[in-house]
């Protein structure tokens, strides 16, 4: 959607509730589309907190910053343990 000032408004991730898991998957896809190694970039972001590890493509950078880094790490550990 565009408003009178030609600024873009992005809809939230449709149907997901914007959980840490959903945001991680969305950001992963955005990084992959832009040709980055998503795992390396996400690890760099989680360790350093530097948002430049995450592409701004598709508002991925602003989206991931909505979630605390420790919450992202908890989600990654939880997901790993549930699948192994």
C-alpha atoms as a PDB file:
ATOM      1  CA  UNK A   1       0.000   0.000   0.000  1.00  0.00           C
ATOM      2  CA  UNK A   2       1.175   3.520  -0.719  1.00  0.00           C
ATOM      3  CA  UNK A   3       0.015   6.660   0.991  1.00  0.00           C
ATOM      4  CA  UNK A   4       0.003  10.238  -0.331  1.00  0.00           C
ATOM      5  CA  UNK A   5       3.710  10.657   0.480  1.00  0.00           C
ATOM      6  CA  UNK A   6       4.762   7.605  -1.551  1.00  0.00           C
ATOM      7  CA  UNK A   7       5.952   5.683   1.485  1.00  0.00           C
ATOM      8  CA  UNK A   8       5.521   1.954   1.564  1.00  0.00           C
ATOM      9  CA  UNK A   9       3.690   0.157   4.346  1.00  0.00           C
ATOM     10  CA  UNK A  10       4.521  -3.499   4.744  1.00  0.00           C
ATOM     11  CA  UNK A  11       1.947  -5.900   6.020  1.00  0.00           C
ATOM     12  CA  UNK A  12       3.005  -8.126   8.898  1.00  0.00           C
ATOM     13  CA  UNK A  13       3.890 -11.677   8.054  1.00  0.00           C
ATOM     14  CA  UNK A  14       0.452 -12.931   7.106  1.00  0.00           C
ATOM     15  CA  UNK A  15      -1.047 -15.617   9.318  1.00  0.00           C
ATOM     16  CA  UNK A  16       1.941 -16.107  11.552  1.00  0.00           C
ATOM     17  CA  UNK A  17       1.435 -13.961  14.618  1.00  0.00           C
ATOM     18  CA  UNK A  18       5.011 -12.696  14.206  1.00  0.00           C
ATOM     19  CA  UNK A  19       6.498 -15.256  16.560  1.00  0.00           C
ATOM     20  CA  UNK A  20      10.264 -15.604  16.883  1.00  0.00           C
ATOM     21  CA  UNK A  21      10.106 -18.760  14.783  1.00  0.00           C
ATOM     22  CA  UNK A  22       8.146 -17.090  12.011  1.00  0.00           C
ATOM     23  CA  UNK A  23      10.440 -14.080  11.990  1.00  0.00           C
ATOM     24  CA  UNK A  24      13.535 -16.288  11.835  1.00  0.00           C
ATOM     25  CA  UNK A  25      12.113 -18.178   8.864  1.00  0.00           C
ATOM     26  CA  UNK A  26      11.121 -14.959   7.107  1.00  0.00           C
ATOM     27  CA  UNK A  27      14.563 -13.414   7.632  1.00  0.00           C
ATOM     28  CA  UNK A  28      16.242 -16.672   6.579  1.00  0.00           C
ATOM     29  CA  UNK A  29      14.344 -16.556   3.284  1.00  0.00           C
ATOM     30  CA  UNK A  30      15.166 -12.870   2.723  1.00  0.00           C
ATOM     31  CA  UNK A  31      18.871 -13.531   3.292  1.00  0.00           C
ATOM     32  CA  UNK A  32      18.797 -16.496   0.933  1.00  0.00           C
ATOM     33  CA  UNK A  33      17.040 -14.500  -1.808  1.00  0.00           C
ATOM     34  CA  UNK A  34      19.732 -11.818  -1.600  1.00  0.00           C
ATOM     35  CA  UNK A  35      22.495 -14.427  -1.951  1.00  0.00           C
ATOM     36  CA  UNK A  36      23.810 -14.456   1.619  1.00  0.00           C
ATOM     37  CA  UNK A  37      24.559 -17.518   3.740  1.00  0.00           C
ATOM     38  CA  UNK A  38      21.583 -17.218   6.119  1.00  0.00           C
ATOM     39  CA  UNK A  39      23.141 -19.301   8.894  1.00  0.00           C
ATOM     40  CA  UNK A  40      26.346 -17.255   8.982  1.00  0.00           C
ATOM     41  CA  UNK A  41      24.439 -13.980   8.884  1.00  0.00           C
ATOM     42  CA  UNK A  42      21.987 -14.979  11.635  1.00  0.00           C
ATOM     43  CA  UNK A  43      24.803 -16.248  13.861  1.00  0.00           C
ATOM     44  CA  UNK A  44      26.684 -12.994  13.347  1.00  0.00           C
ATOM     45  CA  UNK A  45      23.608 -10.993  14.284  1.00  0.00           C
ATOM     46  CA  UNK A  46      22.793 -13.059  17.365  1.00  0.00           C
ATOM     47  CA  UNK A  47      26.368 -12.956  18.666  1.00  0.00           C
ATOM     48  CA  UNK A  48      27.113  -9.276  18.008  1.00  0.00           C
ATOM     49  CA  UNK A  49      23.735  -7.595  17.852  1.00  0.00           C
ATOM     50  CA  UNK A  50      24.912  -5.733  14.753  1.00  0.00           C
ATOM     51  CA  UNK A  51      21.822  -5.334  12.539  1.00  0.00           C
ATOM     52  CA  UNK A  52      23.916  -4.959   9.384  1.00  0.00           C
ATOM     53  CA  UNK A  53      24.286  -8.739   9.350  1.00  0.00           C
ATOM     54  CA  UNK A  54      20.645  -8.821   8.255  1.00  0.00           C
ATOM     55  CA  UNK A  55      19.546  -7.540   4.863  1.00  0.00           C
ATOM     56  CA  UNK A  56      17.067  -4.706   4.738  1.00  0.00           C
ATOM     57  CA  UNK A  57      15.400  -6.482   1.820  1.00  0.00           C
ATOM     58  CA  UNK A  58      11.696  -7.029   2.476  1.00  0.00           C
ATOM     59  CA  UNK A  59      12.095  -5.208   5.831  1.00  0.00           C
ATOM     60  CA  UNK A  60      13.884  -8.239   7.282  1.00  0.00           C
ATOM     61  CA  UNK A  61      16.246  -6.090   9.357  1.00  0.00           C
ATOM     62  CA  UNK A  62      13.509  -4.090  11.052  1.00  0.00           C
ATOM     63  CA  UNK A  63      11.457  -7.226  11.594  1.00  0.00           C
ATOM     64  CA  UNK A  64      14.210  -9.180  13.334  1.00  0.00           C
ATOM     65  CA  UNK A  65      14.974  -6.231  15.592  1.00  0.00           C
ATOM     66  CA  UNK A  66      11.465  -6.569  17.060  1.00  0.00           C
ATOM     67  CA  UNK A  67      12.597  -9.758  18.802  1.00  0.00           C
ATOM     68  CA  UNK A  68      15.212  -9.855  21.567  1.00  0.00           C
ATOM     69  CA  UNK A  69      18.327 -11.803  20.594  1.00  0.00           C
ATOM     70  CA  UNK A  70      18.006 -14.131  23.586  1.00  0.00           C
ATOM     71  CA  UNK A  71      14.465 -14.982  22.430  1.00  0.00           C
ATOM     72  CA  UNK A  72      15.834 -15.852  18.984  1.00  0.00           C
ATOM     73  CA  UNK A  73      18.479 -18.069  20.571  1.00  0.00           C
ATOM     74  CA  UNK A  74      15.869 -19.777  22.761  1.00  0.00           C
ATOM     75  CA  UNK A  75      13.769 -20.504  19.692  1.00  0.00           C
ATOM     76  CA  UNK A  76      16.746 -21.968  17.845  1.00  0.00           C
ATOM     77  CA  UNK A  77      17.679 -24.238  20.768  1.00  0.00           C
ATOM     78  CA  UNK A  78      14.052 -25.298  21.304  1.00  0.00           C
ATOM     79  CA  UNK A  79      13.604 -26.115  17.628  1.00  0.00           C
ATOM     80  CA  UNK A  80      16.858 -28.058  17.485  1.00  0.00           C
ATOM     81  CA  UNK A  81      16.041 -30.122  20.561  1.00  0.00           C
ATOM     82  CA  UNK A  82      12.529 -30.897  19.328  1.00  0.00           C
ATOM     83  CA  UNK A  83      13.859 -32.293  16.055  1.00  0.00           C
ATOM     84  CA  UNK A  84      16.777 -34.310  17.477  1.00  0.00           C
END
